[in-house]
């Protein structure tokens, strides 16, 4: 389990415990309301925890769909491969799944990382052992 997830679980557990402890001091219908509210908080978080990976997948797919026409316009005669972070697999939780990697066919030892949203697409970084002067597709800042 990633530390962020552990912190989220602890926060929800703490909030739920506070609600339950507070509801112990209430009587009648208010106590039932407190227990119901605690249950609703736990169920809402479980729903969020289950739905979040699917939401991230949908966002990544949308960003790739935005990036492809941009690359075709910027580099019309080039071939490239788009890589995304396999955020559901173990060992990749520390990486930002919204950064999209692009490897150009004639420069396979360099991965350019792009950020895409509906208003803006820009190159945020690159990964390589080459010198900065040797990069073909580095965009000006």
Protein backbone atom coordinates (compact mmCIF):
# COMPACT_ATOMS: atom_id res chain seq x y z
CA UNK A 1 0.00 0.00 0.00
CA UNK A 2 1.32 3.42 -0.96
CA UNK A 3 1.87 5.93 1.88
CA UNK A 4 -0.73 8.29 0.42
CA UNK A 5 -3.36 5.56 0.54
CA UNK A 6 -2.37 4.75 4.11
CA UNK A 7 -2.80 8.39 5.11
CA UNK A 8 -6.20 8.49 3.38
CA UNK A 9 -7.36 5.35 5.21
CA UNK A 10 -6.13 6.76 8.52
CA UNK A 11 -7.93 10.07 7.92
CA UNK A 12 -11.21 8.36 7.07
CA UNK A 13 -10.83 6.05 10.07
CA UNK A 14 -10.15 9.01 12.36
CA UNK A 15 -13.14 10.99 11.05
CA UNK A 16 -15.40 7.95 11.30
CA UNK A 17 -14.20 7.27 14.85
CA UNK A 18 -14.91 10.89 15.81
CA UNK A 19 -18.42 10.66 14.40
CA UNK A 20 -19.09 7.40 16.23
CA UNK A 21 -17.68 8.72 19.53
CA UNK A 22 -19.73 11.90 19.18
CA UNK A 23 -22.86 9.87 18.40
CA UNK A 24 -22.38 7.84 21.61
CA UNK A 25 -23.21 11.01 23.56
CA UNK A 26 -26.43 11.48 21.62
CA UNK A 27 -29.72 9.74 22.32
CA UNK A 28 -32.56 8.26 20.30
CA UNK A 29 -32.89 9.32 16.70
CA UNK A 30 -29.75 11.47 16.85
CA UNK A 31 -27.63 8.48 17.81
CA UNK A 32 -29.04 6.52 14.85
CA UNK A 33 -28.34 9.53 12.66
CA UNK A 34 -24.73 9.61 13.90
CA UNK A 35 -24.24 5.91 13.17
CA UNK A 36 -25.87 6.32 9.76
CA UNK A 37 -23.67 9.30 8.99
CA UNK A 38 -20.54 7.34 9.96
CA UNK A 39 -21.67 4.48 7.71
CA UNK A 40 -22.31 6.94 4.86
CA UNK A 41 -18.79 8.39 5.25
CA UNK A 42 -17.23 4.92 5.09
CA UNK A 43 -19.34 3.88 2.09
CA UNK A 44 -18.58 7.14 0.25
CA UNK A 45 -14.86 6.65 0.76
CA UNK A 46 -15.06 3.01 -0.37
CA UNK A 47 -16.90 4.12 -3.50
CA UNK A 48 -14.24 6.78 -4.10
CA UNK A 49 -11.43 4.27 -3.55
CA UNK A 50 -12.98 1.81 -6.01
CA UNK A 51 -13.88 4.40 -8.67
CA UNK A 52 -10.64 6.42 -8.60
CA UNK A 53 -8.53 4.09 -10.82
CA UNK A 54 -11.25 4.11 -13.48
CA UNK A 55 -11.44 7.90 -13.28
CA UNK A 56 -7.66 8.18 -13.70
CA UNK A 57 -7.81 5.82 -16.72
CA UNK A 58 -10.49 7.99 -18.34
CA UNK A 59 -8.46 11.15 -17.73
CA UNK A 60 -5.30 9.59 -19.19
CA UNK A 61 -7.21 8.43 -22.27
CA UNK A 62 -8.61 11.94 -22.75
CA UNK A 63 -5.13 13.48 -22.42
CA UNK A 64 -3.68 11.05 -24.98
CA UNK A 65 -6.50 11.96 -27.38
CA UNK A 66 -5.57 15.62 -26.94
CA UNK A 67 -1.84 14.97 -27.37
CA UNK A 68 -1.97 12.93 -30.60
CA UNK A 69 -3.25 15.77 -32.86
CA UNK A 70 -0.80 18.16 -31.20
CA UNK A 71 2.14 15.89 -32.02
CA UNK A 72 0.85 15.39 -35.57
CA UNK A 73 0.74 19.17 -36.01
CA UNK A 74 4.11 19.88 -34.37
CA UNK A 75 6.00 16.97 -35.95
CA UNK A 76 4.08 16.10 -39.14
CA UNK A 77 6.56 13.69 -40.76
CA UNK A 78 7.65 11.88 -37.61
CA UNK A 79 6.64 8.59 -36.02
CA UNK A 80 6.32 8.22 -32.25
CA UNK A 81 5.15 5.90 -29.51
CA UNK A 82 3.06 7.14 -26.60
CA UNK A 83 3.73 5.64 -23.16
CA UNK A 84 1.60 6.09 -20.08
CA UNK A 85 2.28 5.16 -16.47
CA UNK A 86 0.73 1.80 -15.50
CA UNK A 87 -0.59 3.37 -12.29
CA UNK A 88 -2.49 0.25 -11.20
CA UNK A 89 0.63 -1.91 -11.08
CA UNK A 90 2.86 -2.23 -8.06
CA UNK A 91 5.98 -0.07 -8.20
CA UNK A 92 4.46 2.78 -10.21
CA UNK A 93 2.40 4.52 -7.51
CA UNK A 94 5.07 7.18 -6.98
CA UNK A 95 4.85 8.34 -10.62
CA UNK A 96 2.36 10.90 -11.86
CA UNK A 97 -0.03 9.03 -14.16
CA UNK A 98 -0.99 12.24 -15.95
CA UNK A 99 2.46 12.77 -17.49
CA UNK A 100 2.46 11.22 -20.95
CA UNK A 101 5.72 9.88 -22.36
CA UNK A 102 6.53 10.17 -26.06
CA UNK A 103 9.40 8.33 -27.75
CA UNK A 104 10.18 9.35 -31.32
CA UNK A 105 11.19 6.60 -33.71
CA UNK A 106 14.42 8.27 -34.85
CA UNK A 107 15.43 9.15 -31.26
CA UNK A 108 14.58 6.00 -29.26
CA UNK A 109 16.92 6.73 -26.35
CA UNK A 110 14.97 9.86 -25.30
CA UNK A 111 11.53 9.99 -23.71
CA UNK A 112 9.80 13.37 -23.79
CA UNK A 113 7.14 13.92 -21.13
CA UNK A 114 4.08 16.00 -21.97
CA UNK A 115 1.32 17.56 -19.92
CA UNK A 116 -2.03 17.91 -21.66
CA UNK A 117 -5.30 19.52 -20.67
CA UNK A 118 -8.07 21.01 -22.75
CA UNK A 119 -6.50 24.48 -22.84
CA UNK A 120 -2.79 23.74 -23.06
CA UNK A 121 -0.29 21.08 -24.10
CA UNK A 122 3.37 21.45 -23.34
CA UNK A 123 6.52 19.46 -22.90
CA UNK A 124 7.42 19.32 -19.23
CA UNK A 125 10.60 17.24 -19.23
CA UNK A 126 12.64 14.56 -20.95
CA UNK A 127 14.60 11.48 -19.88
CA UNK A 128 17.92 10.63 -21.51
CA UNK A 129 21.66 10.34 -21.13
CA UNK A 130 22.29 12.65 -24.11
CA UNK A 131 23.41 16.26 -23.90
CA UNK A 132 20.79 18.95 -24.19
CA UNK A 133 22.24 20.11 -27.52
CA UNK A 134 21.71 16.66 -29.08
CA UNK A 135 17.94 16.53 -28.50
CA UNK A 136 15.94 16.85 -31.71
CA UNK A 137 12.43 17.39 -30.33
CA UNK A 138 13.02 19.52 -27.22
CA UNK A 139 10.52 22.35 -27.34
CA UNK A 140 11.54 25.85 -26.28
CA UNK A 141 10.31 26.89 -22.86
